[in-house]
Amino acid sequence: MSAAIISDSSSLIMVGKLERLDLLTNLFQQIIIPQRVAEEITAKEDGVAKHVLTHPLFVISATTNHALLALLDGTLDYGEAEAIALAKERQMILLVDEKKARKIAKNMHLKIIGLLGVLILNRNHGYLTKEEAIALLEQVKAMDFRLSAKLETDFLSRL
């Protein structure tokens, strides 16, 4: 189990909608949610914020790296910009799925993981069977989680 991770909104929303916060809490002792990401999930009326923001392992934090935040604003969406700035500031793993944000984070030499990586880690640690991981993939795809055919094939081969 890793100490902590910083999360963007997309994976957080997916695990919240699945009511499977354990997919993150199995792997991390703390999930840090940037202030802007907390605002994004709170604005949605899907019940995710209630589950996430009341869980003791999920903590809201704001970046102090305002220069990087200003640089990323306009290039990325509101929450992704702060998630990257906070991950850079704290040198922590970033949970992010959006392609453009992942590319920018990689270029900044940040360690990243996406929702499919979280599923693979849960499988590798024995928290999920292969069949459960595949079923969760199908559920998130049904919720309009976008992924390429290559990414899906890579995921299935790594299980």
N, C-alpha and C. Protein backbone atom coordinates (compact mmCIF):
# COMPACT_ATOMS: atom_id res chain seq x y z
N MET A 1 0.85 -1.19 0.00
CA MET A 1 0.00 0.00 0.00
C MET A 1 0.89 1.24 0.00
N SER A 2 0.64 2.13 -0.94
CA SER A 2 1.39 3.38 -1.00
C SER A 2 0.82 4.37 0.01
N ALA A 3 1.64 5.30 0.37
CA ALA A 3 1.23 6.27 1.37
C ALA A 3 0.06 7.14 0.89
N ALA A 4 0.23 7.78 -0.25
CA ALA A 4 -0.81 8.71 -0.69
C ALA A 4 -0.75 8.91 -2.21
N ILE A 5 -1.84 9.44 -2.71
CA ILE A 5 -1.97 9.75 -4.14
C ILE A 5 -2.81 11.01 -4.27
N ILE A 6 -2.60 11.73 -5.35
CA ILE A 6 -3.42 12.90 -5.65
C ILE A 6 -4.36 12.50 -6.78
N SER A 7 -5.63 12.83 -6.66
CA SER A 7 -6.60 12.38 -7.64
C SER A 7 -7.27 13.53 -8.39
N ASP A 8 -7.36 13.35 -9.70
CA ASP A 8 -8.18 14.21 -10.54
C ASP A 8 -9.63 13.71 -10.40
N SER A 9 -10.55 14.35 -11.04
CA SER A 9 -11.96 14.03 -10.82
C SER A 9 -12.48 12.79 -11.56
N SER A 10 -11.99 12.49 -12.76
CA SER A 10 -12.64 11.45 -13.56
C SER A 10 -12.62 10.07 -12.89
N SER A 11 -11.48 9.60 -12.45
CA SER A 11 -11.41 8.30 -11.78
C SER A 11 -12.18 8.32 -10.46
N LEU A 12 -12.09 9.44 -9.78
CA LEU A 12 -12.80 9.60 -8.51
C LEU A 12 -14.31 9.48 -8.72
N ILE A 13 -14.79 10.11 -9.76
CA ILE A 13 -16.22 10.05 -10.08
C ILE A 13 -16.62 8.62 -10.44
N MET A 14 -15.78 7.94 -11.22
CA MET A 14 -16.10 6.56 -11.61
C MET A 14 -16.16 5.63 -10.40
N VAL A 15 -15.16 5.68 -9.53
CA VAL A 15 -15.19 4.78 -8.37
C VAL A 15 -16.33 5.16 -7.43
N GLY A 16 -16.66 6.45 -7.38
CA GLY A 16 -17.79 6.89 -6.57
C GLY A 16 -19.11 6.39 -7.12
N LYS A 17 -19.31 6.49 -8.44
CA LYS A 17 -20.53 5.99 -9.05
C LYS A 17 -20.67 4.48 -8.92
N LEU A 18 -19.54 3.79 -8.97
CA LEU A 18 -19.55 2.34 -8.79
C LEU A 18 -19.75 1.94 -7.33
N GLU A 19 -19.65 2.94 -6.45
CA GLU A 19 -19.67 2.70 -5.00
C GLU A 19 -18.56 1.73 -4.62
N ARG A 20 -17.37 1.99 -5.19
CA ARG A 20 -16.19 1.14 -4.97
C ARG A 20 -14.99 1.99 -4.58
N LEU A 21 -15.16 2.84 -3.55
CA LEU A 21 -14.03 3.62 -3.07
C LEU A 21 -12.91 2.72 -2.59
N ASP A 22 -13.26 1.48 -2.27
CA ASP A 22 -12.24 0.51 -1.83
C ASP A 22 -11.18 0.27 -2.90
N LEU A 23 -11.51 0.52 -4.16
CA LEU A 23 -10.51 0.35 -5.22
C LEU A 23 -9.32 1.28 -4.99
N LEU A 24 -9.57 2.42 -4.36
CA LEU A 24 -8.50 3.34 -4.01
C LEU A 24 -7.98 3.11 -2.60
N THR A 25 -8.89 2.88 -1.66
CA THR A 25 -8.46 2.72 -0.26
C THR A 25 -7.72 1.40 -0.03
N ASN A 26 -7.90 0.42 -0.91
CA ASN A 26 -7.11 -0.81 -0.84
C ASN A 26 -5.63 -0.52 -1.08
N LEU A 27 -5.36 0.47 -1.89
CA LEU A 27 -4.01 0.72 -2.39
C LEU A 27 -3.30 1.90 -1.74
N PHE A 28 -4.07 2.86 -1.22
CA PHE A 28 -3.48 4.10 -0.72
C PHE A 28 -4.00 4.43 0.68
N GLN A 29 -3.09 4.91 1.52
CA GLN A 29 -3.47 5.28 2.88
C GLN A 29 -4.18 6.62 2.93
N GLN A 30 -3.96 7.42 1.88
CA GLN A 30 -4.62 8.72 1.80
C GLN A 30 -4.81 9.09 0.33
N ILE A 31 -5.98 9.63 0.02
CA ILE A 31 -6.26 10.11 -1.33
C ILE A 31 -6.49 11.61 -1.21
N ILE A 32 -5.58 12.37 -1.78
CA ILE A 32 -5.65 13.83 -1.68
C ILE A 32 -6.43 14.35 -2.88
N ILE A 33 -7.44 15.14 -2.58
CA ILE A 33 -8.30 15.72 -3.60
C ILE A 33 -8.02 17.22 -3.66
N PRO A 34 -7.52 17.70 -4.79
CA PRO A 34 -7.31 19.14 -4.92
C PRO A 34 -8.62 19.91 -4.70
N GLN A 35 -8.51 21.10 -4.15
CA GLN A 35 -9.68 21.92 -3.86
C GLN A 35 -10.60 22.05 -5.08
N ARG A 36 -10.01 22.29 -6.24
CA ARG A 36 -10.81 22.46 -7.46
C ARG A 36 -11.53 21.17 -7.85
N VAL A 37 -10.90 20.02 -7.62
CA VAL A 37 -11.54 18.74 -7.91
C VAL A 37 -12.72 18.53 -6.97
N ALA A 38 -12.54 18.90 -5.70
CA ALA A 38 -13.64 18.80 -4.73
C ALA A 38 -14.81 19.67 -5.19
N GLU A 39 -14.51 20.86 -5.70
CA GLU A 39 -15.57 21.75 -6.21
C GLU A 39 -16.27 21.12 -7.41
N GLU A 40 -15.49 20.50 -8.30
CA GLU A 40 -16.08 19.86 -9.49
C GLU A 40 -17.03 18.73 -9.11
N ILE A 41 -16.59 17.86 -8.20
CA ILE A 41 -17.46 16.72 -7.86
C ILE A 41 -18.64 17.15 -7.01
N THR A 42 -18.48 18.23 -6.25
CA THR A 42 -19.59 18.75 -5.44
C THR A 42 -20.66 19.38 -6.34
N ALA A 43 -20.24 19.96 -7.45
CA ALA A 43 -21.19 20.61 -8.37
C ALA A 43 -22.11 19.60 -9.05
N LYS A 44 -21.63 18.36 -9.18
CA LYS A 44 -22.46 17.32 -9.81
C LYS A 44 -23.46 16.80 -8.78
N GLU A 45 -24.62 16.46 -9.24
CA GLU A 45 -25.66 15.97 -8.34
C GLU A 45 -25.83 14.46 -8.48
N ASP A 46 -24.70 13.74 -8.43
CA ASP A 46 -24.77 12.29 -8.61
C ASP A 46 -24.47 11.53 -7.32
N GLY A 47 -24.29 12.24 -6.22
CA GLY A 47 -24.05 11.59 -4.93
C GLY A 47 -22.61 11.20 -4.68
N VAL A 48 -21.74 11.37 -5.65
CA VAL A 48 -20.35 10.97 -5.49
C VAL A 48 -19.67 11.79 -4.39
N ALA A 49 -19.88 13.09 -4.40
CA ALA A 49 -19.22 13.96 -3.42
C ALA A 49 -19.54 13.53 -2.00
N LYS A 50 -20.77 13.16 -1.75
CA LYS A 50 -21.17 12.75 -0.40
C LYS A 50 -20.35 11.56 0.08
N HIS A 51 -20.17 10.57 -0.78
CA HIS A 51 -19.41 9.38 -0.41
C HIS A 51 -17.92 9.69 -0.25
N VAL A 52 -17.39 10.44 -1.19
CA VAL A 52 -15.95 10.71 -1.20
C VAL A 52 -15.55 11.68 -0.10
N LEU A 53 -16.26 12.79 0.01
CA LEU A 53 -15.83 13.85 0.91
C LEU A 53 -16.10 13.55 2.38
N THR A 54 -16.85 12.50 2.67
CA THR A 54 -17.07 12.11 4.06
C THR A 54 -16.21 10.92 4.47
N HIS A 55 -15.48 10.34 3.52
CA HIS A 55 -14.63 9.19 3.81
C HIS A 55 -13.34 9.69 4.48
N PRO A 56 -12.89 9.05 5.56
CA PRO A 56 -11.73 9.55 6.30
C PRO A 56 -10.39 9.49 5.53
N LEU A 57 -10.26 8.67 4.51
CA LEU A 57 -9.00 8.60 3.77
C LEU A 57 -8.90 9.62 2.64
N PHE A 58 -9.99 10.33 2.36
CA PHE A 58 -10.01 11.33 1.30
C PHE A 58 -9.89 12.71 1.95
N VAL A 59 -8.86 13.45 1.54
CA VAL A 59 -8.54 14.74 2.16
C VAL A 59 -8.47 15.81 1.08
N ILE A 60 -9.08 16.95 1.33
CA ILE A 60 -9.04 18.07 0.38
C ILE A 60 -7.84 18.95 0.69
N SER A 61 -7.13 19.34 -0.36
CA SER A 61 -5.96 20.21 -0.19
C SER A 61 -5.84 21.11 -1.41
N ALA A 62 -5.31 22.28 -1.20
CA ALA A 62 -5.11 23.23 -2.30
C ALA A 62 -3.61 23.37 -2.58
N THR A 63 -3.28 23.64 -3.82
CA THR A 63 -1.88 23.84 -4.17
C THR A 63 -1.43 25.23 -3.73
N THR A 64 -0.15 25.35 -3.46
CA THR A 64 0.43 26.67 -3.21
C THR A 64 1.29 27.08 -4.40
N ASN A 65 1.36 26.21 -5.41
CA ASN A 65 2.15 26.48 -6.61
C ASN A 65 1.29 27.28 -7.60
N HIS A 66 1.05 28.52 -7.26
CA HIS A 66 0.15 29.36 -8.05
C HIS A 66 0.70 29.70 -9.43
N ALA A 67 2.02 29.76 -9.56
CA ALA A 67 2.61 30.06 -10.87
C ALA A 67 2.34 28.90 -11.84
N LEU A 68 2.55 27.67 -11.40
CA LEU A 68 2.28 26.52 -12.26
C LEU A 68 0.78 26.40 -12.53
N LEU A 69 -0.03 26.66 -11.53
CA LEU A 69 -1.48 26.60 -11.70
C LEU A 69 -1.92 27.60 -12.77
N ALA A 70 -1.39 28.81 -12.72
CA ALA A 70 -1.73 29.83 -13.71
C ALA A 70 -1.28 29.41 -15.10
N LEU A 71 -0.12 28.76 -15.18
CA LEU A 71 0.39 28.30 -16.46
C LEU A 71 -0.50 27.21 -17.06
N LEU A 72 -0.99 26.31 -16.20
CA LEU A 72 -1.82 25.19 -16.68
C LEU A 72 -3.26 25.59 -16.95
N ASP A 73 -3.75 26.61 -16.25
CA ASP A 73 -5.12 27.09 -16.50
C ASP A 73 -5.25 27.53 -17.94
N GLY A 74 -6.31 27.12 -18.57
CA GLY A 74 -6.52 27.46 -19.97
C GLY A 74 -6.03 26.36 -20.89
N THR A 75 -4.99 25.64 -20.46
CA THR A 75 -4.50 24.50 -21.23
C THR A 75 -5.28 23.25 -20.85
N LEU A 76 -5.54 23.14 -19.56
CA LEU A 76 -6.29 22.00 -19.02
C LEU A 76 -7.55 22.49 -18.35
N ASP A 77 -8.43 21.56 -18.00
CA ASP A 77 -9.63 22.02 -17.29
C ASP A 77 -9.27 22.35 -15.84
N TYR A 78 -10.21 22.93 -15.18
CA TYR A 78 -10.08 23.50 -13.84
C TYR A 78 -9.43 22.54 -12.83
N GLY A 79 -9.98 21.36 -12.67
CA GLY A 79 -9.48 20.41 -11.69
C GLY A 79 -8.16 19.77 -12.08
N GLU A 80 -8.02 19.44 -13.36
CA GLU A 80 -6.78 18.81 -13.83
C GLU A 80 -5.59 19.71 -13.60
N ALA A 81 -5.76 21.01 -13.82
CA ALA A 81 -4.67 21.96 -13.63
C ALA A 81 -4.18 21.93 -12.18
N GLU A 82 -5.11 21.95 -11.24
CA GLU A 82 -4.68 21.94 -9.84
C GLU A 82 -4.15 20.57 -9.43
N ALA A 83 -4.71 19.51 -9.96
CA ALA A 83 -4.22 18.17 -9.63
C ALA A 83 -2.75 18.02 -10.04
N ILE A 84 -2.42 18.48 -11.23
CA ILE A 84 -1.03 18.41 -11.70
C ILE A 84 -0.14 19.32 -10.88
N ALA A 85 -0.60 20.53 -10.61
CA ALA A 85 0.21 21.46 -9.82
C ALA A 85 0.47 20.90 -8.42
N LEU A 86 -0.53 20.31 -7.81
CA LEU A 86 -0.38 19.74 -6.47
C LEU A 86 0.54 18.51 -6.49
N ALA A 87 0.40 17.67 -7.51
CA ALA A 87 1.26 16.49 -7.63
C ALA A 87 2.72 16.92 -7.83
N LYS A 88 2.94 17.94 -8.63
CA LYS A 88 4.30 18.45 -8.85
C LYS A 88 4.86 19.04 -7.55
N GLU A 89 4.05 19.83 -6.88
CA GLU A 89 4.47 20.47 -5.64
C GLU A 89 4.89 19.44 -4.58
N ARG A 90 4.11 18.36 -4.48
CA ARG A 90 4.36 17.35 -3.44
C ARG A 90 5.14 16.14 -3.92
N GLN A 91 5.43 16.12 -5.24
CA GLN A 91 6.13 14.99 -5.84
C GLN A 91 5.44 13.67 -5.49
N MET A 92 4.15 13.62 -5.82
CA MET A 92 3.33 12.46 -5.52
C MET A 92 2.75 11.87 -6.80
N ILE A 93 2.30 10.63 -6.72
CA ILE A 93 1.65 9.97 -7.83
C ILE A 93 0.33 10.69 -8.13
N LEU A 94 0.02 10.82 -9.40
CA LEU A 94 -1.21 11.49 -9.83
C LEU A 94 -2.14 10.48 -10.48
N LEU A 95 -3.36 10.42 -10.02
CA LEU A 95 -4.41 9.60 -10.62
C LEU A 95 -5.16 10.48 -11.61
N VAL A 96 -4.95 10.20 -12.91
CA VAL A 96 -5.55 11.02 -13.95
C VAL A 96 -5.77 10.16 -15.19
N ASP A 97 -6.87 10.40 -15.88
CA ASP A 97 -7.20 9.61 -17.06
C ASP A 97 -7.24 10.39 -18.36
N GLU A 98 -7.48 11.67 -18.31
CA GLU A 98 -7.63 12.46 -19.53
C GLU A 98 -6.30 12.52 -20.27
N LYS A 99 -6.34 12.22 -21.56
CA LYS A 99 -5.14 12.05 -22.38
C LYS A 99 -4.22 13.28 -22.34
N LYS A 100 -4.76 14.45 -22.54
CA LYS A 100 -3.94 15.66 -22.58
C LYS A 100 -3.27 15.91 -21.23
N ALA A 101 -4.02 15.72 -20.15
CA ALA A 101 -3.46 15.92 -18.81
C ALA A 101 -2.37 14.90 -18.52
N ARG A 102 -2.57 13.66 -18.94
CA ARG A 102 -1.56 12.61 -18.75
C ARG A 102 -0.26 12.97 -19.47
N LYS A 103 -0.41 13.48 -20.70
CA LYS A 103 0.77 13.85 -21.48
C LYS A 103 1.55 14.98 -20.80
N ILE A 104 0.83 15.99 -20.33
CA ILE A 104 1.49 17.10 -19.64
C ILE A 104 2.16 16.62 -18.36
N ALA A 105 1.47 15.78 -17.60
CA ALA A 105 2.05 15.25 -16.36
C ALA A 105 3.31 14.43 -16.64
N LYS A 106 3.27 13.61 -17.68
CA LYS A 106 4.46 12.82 -18.05
C LYS A 106 5.61 13.73 -18.44
N ASN A 107 5.31 14.79 -19.20
CA ASN A 107 6.35 15.74 -19.60
C ASN A 107 6.96 16.46 -18.40
N MET A 108 6.21 16.52 -17.31
CA MET A 108 6.71 17.15 -16.08
C MET A 108 7.37 16.10 -15.17
N HIS A 109 7.52 14.89 -15.69
CA HIS A 109 8.17 13.78 -14.97
C HIS A 109 7.41 13.36 -13.72
N LEU A 110 6.09 13.48 -13.78
CA LEU A 110 5.26 13.00 -12.67
C LEU A 110 4.92 11.54 -12.89
N LYS A 111 4.81 10.80 -11.81
CA LYS A 111 4.34 9.43 -11.88
C LYS A 111 2.82 9.49 -11.95
N ILE A 112 2.26 8.77 -12.92
CA ILE A 112 0.81 8.80 -13.09
C ILE A 112 0.25 7.38 -13.13
N ILE A 113 -1.02 7.30 -12.81
CA ILE A 113 -1.77 6.07 -12.92
C ILE A 113 -3.19 6.47 -13.32
N GLY A 114 -3.87 5.60 -14.02
CA GLY A 114 -5.25 5.85 -14.40
C GLY A 114 -6.16 4.82 -13.76
N LEU A 115 -7.42 4.91 -14.05
CA LEU A 115 -8.40 3.99 -13.48
C LEU A 115 -8.08 2.54 -13.83
N LEU A 116 -7.66 2.29 -15.07
CA LEU A 116 -7.33 0.92 -15.46
C LEU A 116 -6.11 0.42 -14.68
N GLY A 117 -5.17 1.29 -14.43
CA GLY A 117 -4.02 0.93 -13.60
C GLY A 117 -4.43 0.59 -12.18
N VAL A 118 -5.40 1.32 -11.66
CA VAL A 118 -5.93 1.03 -10.32
C VAL A 118 -6.57 -0.36 -10.30
N LEU A 119 -7.32 -0.69 -11.35
CA LEU A 119 -7.93 -2.02 -11.43
C LEU A 119 -6.86 -3.10 -11.50
N ILE A 120 -5.82 -2.87 -12.28
CA ILE A 120 -4.73 -3.85 -12.39
C ILE A 120 -4.04 -4.03 -11.05
N LEU A 121 -3.76 -2.94 -10.35
CA LEU A 121 -3.11 -3.06 -9.03
C LEU A 121 -3.99 -3.82 -8.05
N ASN A 122 -5.30 -3.57 -8.09
CA ASN A 122 -6.22 -4.30 -7.22
C ASN A 122 -6.19 -5.79 -7.55
N ARG A 123 -6.12 -6.09 -8.82
CA ARG A 123 -6.02 -7.50 -9.26
C ARG A 123 -4.71 -8.11 -8.79
N ASN A 124 -3.61 -7.40 -8.98
CA ASN A 124 -2.28 -7.90 -8.60
C ASN A 124 -2.14 -8.13 -7.10
N HIS A 125 -2.84 -7.32 -6.31
CA HIS A 125 -2.78 -7.46 -4.86
C HIS A 125 -3.84 -8.41 -4.30
N GLY A 126 -4.63 -9.00 -5.19
CA GLY A 126 -5.62 -9.99 -4.76
C GLY A 126 -6.94 -9.41 -4.28
N TYR A 127 -7.17 -8.12 -4.50
CA TYR A 127 -8.44 -7.50 -4.09
C TYR A 127 -9.55 -7.75 -5.10
N LEU A 128 -9.17 -8.05 -6.35
CA LEU A 128 -10.13 -8.34 -7.41
C LEU A 128 -9.68 -9.59 -8.15
N THR A 129 -10.64 -10.34 -8.63
CA THR A 129 -10.32 -11.42 -9.56
C THR A 129 -10.25 -10.81 -10.96
N LYS A 130 -9.73 -11.55 -11.89
CA LYS A 130 -9.69 -11.10 -13.28
C LYS A 130 -11.10 -10.81 -13.77
N GLU A 131 -12.03 -11.69 -13.43
CA GLU A 131 -13.42 -11.52 -13.87
C GLU A 131 -14.04 -10.26 -13.28
N GLU A 132 -13.74 -9.98 -12.01
CA GLU A 132 -14.28 -8.76 -11.38
C GLU A 132 -13.69 -7.51 -12.04
N ALA A 133 -12.41 -7.53 -12.36
CA ALA A 133 -11.77 -6.39 -13.02
C ALA A 133 -12.40 -6.15 -14.39
N ILE A 134 -12.65 -7.22 -15.13
CA ILE A 134 -13.28 -7.09 -16.45
C ILE A 134 -14.70 -6.57 -16.31
N ALA A 135 -15.43 -7.05 -15.31
CA ALA A 135 -16.80 -6.58 -15.08
C ALA A 135 -16.81 -5.09 -14.74
N LEU A 136 -15.84 -4.64 -13.93
CA LEU A 136 -15.75 -3.22 -13.59
C LEU A 136 -15.41 -2.39 -14.83
N LEU A 137 -14.54 -2.92 -15.68
CA LEU A 137 -14.24 -2.23 -16.94
C LEU A 137 -15.51 -2.05 -17.75
N GLU A 138 -16.31 -3.09 -17.87
CA GLU A 138 -17.56 -3.00 -18.63
C GLU A 138 -18.52 -1.98 -18.00
N GLN A 139 -18.55 -1.92 -16.67
CA GLN A 139 -19.42 -0.96 -16.00
C GLN A 139 -18.98 0.47 -16.28
N VAL A 140 -17.68 0.76 -16.22
CA VAL A 140 -17.24 2.13 -16.47
C VAL A 140 -17.40 2.50 -17.94
N LYS A 141 -17.23 1.54 -18.83
CA LYS A 141 -17.49 1.82 -20.25
C LYS A 141 -18.96 2.18 -20.46
N ALA A 142 -19.85 1.53 -19.74
CA ALA A 142 -21.28 1.83 -19.85
C ALA A 142 -21.61 3.22 -19.29
N MET A 143 -20.70 3.78 -18.47
CA MET A 143 -20.87 5.12 -17.91
C MET A 143 -20.12 6.16 -18.74
N ASP A 144 -19.84 5.82 -20.00
CA ASP A 144 -19.17 6.73 -20.94
C ASP A 144 -17.72 7.04 -20.59
N PHE A 145 -17.06 6.12 -19.92
CA PHE A 145 -15.62 6.23 -19.71
C PHE A 145 -14.96 5.92 -21.04
N ARG A 146 -14.25 6.90 -21.58
CA ARG A 146 -13.67 6.73 -22.91
C ARG A 146 -12.28 6.11 -22.82
N LEU A 147 -12.08 5.06 -23.63
CA LEU A 147 -10.75 4.49 -23.76
C LEU A 147 -10.60 3.90 -25.14
N SER A 148 -9.37 3.93 -25.61
CA SER A 148 -9.09 3.42 -26.95
C SER A 148 -9.11 1.90 -26.94
N ALA A 149 -9.27 1.33 -28.13
CA ALA A 149 -9.24 -0.13 -28.27
C ALA A 149 -7.88 -0.66 -27.83
N LYS A 150 -6.80 0.08 -28.13
CA LYS A 150 -5.46 -0.34 -27.74
C LYS A 150 -5.31 -0.37 -26.22
N LEU A 151 -5.81 0.66 -25.57
CA LEU A 151 -5.72 0.72 -24.11
C LEU A 151 -6.50 -0.43 -23.48
N GLU A 152 -7.66 -0.71 -24.02
CA GLU A 152 -8.46 -1.82 -23.50
C GLU A 152 -7.74 -3.16 -23.71
N THR A 153 -7.17 -3.34 -24.89
CA THR A 153 -6.42 -4.57 -25.18
C THR A 153 -5.22 -4.71 -24.24
N ASP A 154 -4.50 -3.61 -24.04
CA ASP A 154 -3.35 -3.63 -23.12
C ASP A 154 -3.80 -3.99 -21.70
N PHE A 155 -4.91 -3.40 -21.28
CA PHE A 155 -5.44 -3.68 -19.94
C PHE A 155 -5.77 -5.17 -19.80
N LEU A 156 -6.49 -5.71 -20.76
CA LEU A 156 -6.89 -7.11 -20.70
C LEU A 156 -5.68 -8.04 -20.71
N SER A 157 -4.66 -7.69 -21.46
CA SER A 157 -3.46 -8.55 -21.51
C SER A 157 -2.66 -8.49 -20.20
N ARG A 158 -2.76 -7.38 -19.48
CA ARG A 158 -2.03 -7.23 -18.21
C ARG A 158 -2.74 -7.89 -17.04
N LEU A 159 -4.00 -8.22 -17.22
CA LEU A 159 -4.73 -8.89 -16.14
C LEU A 159 -4.22 -10.32 -16.02
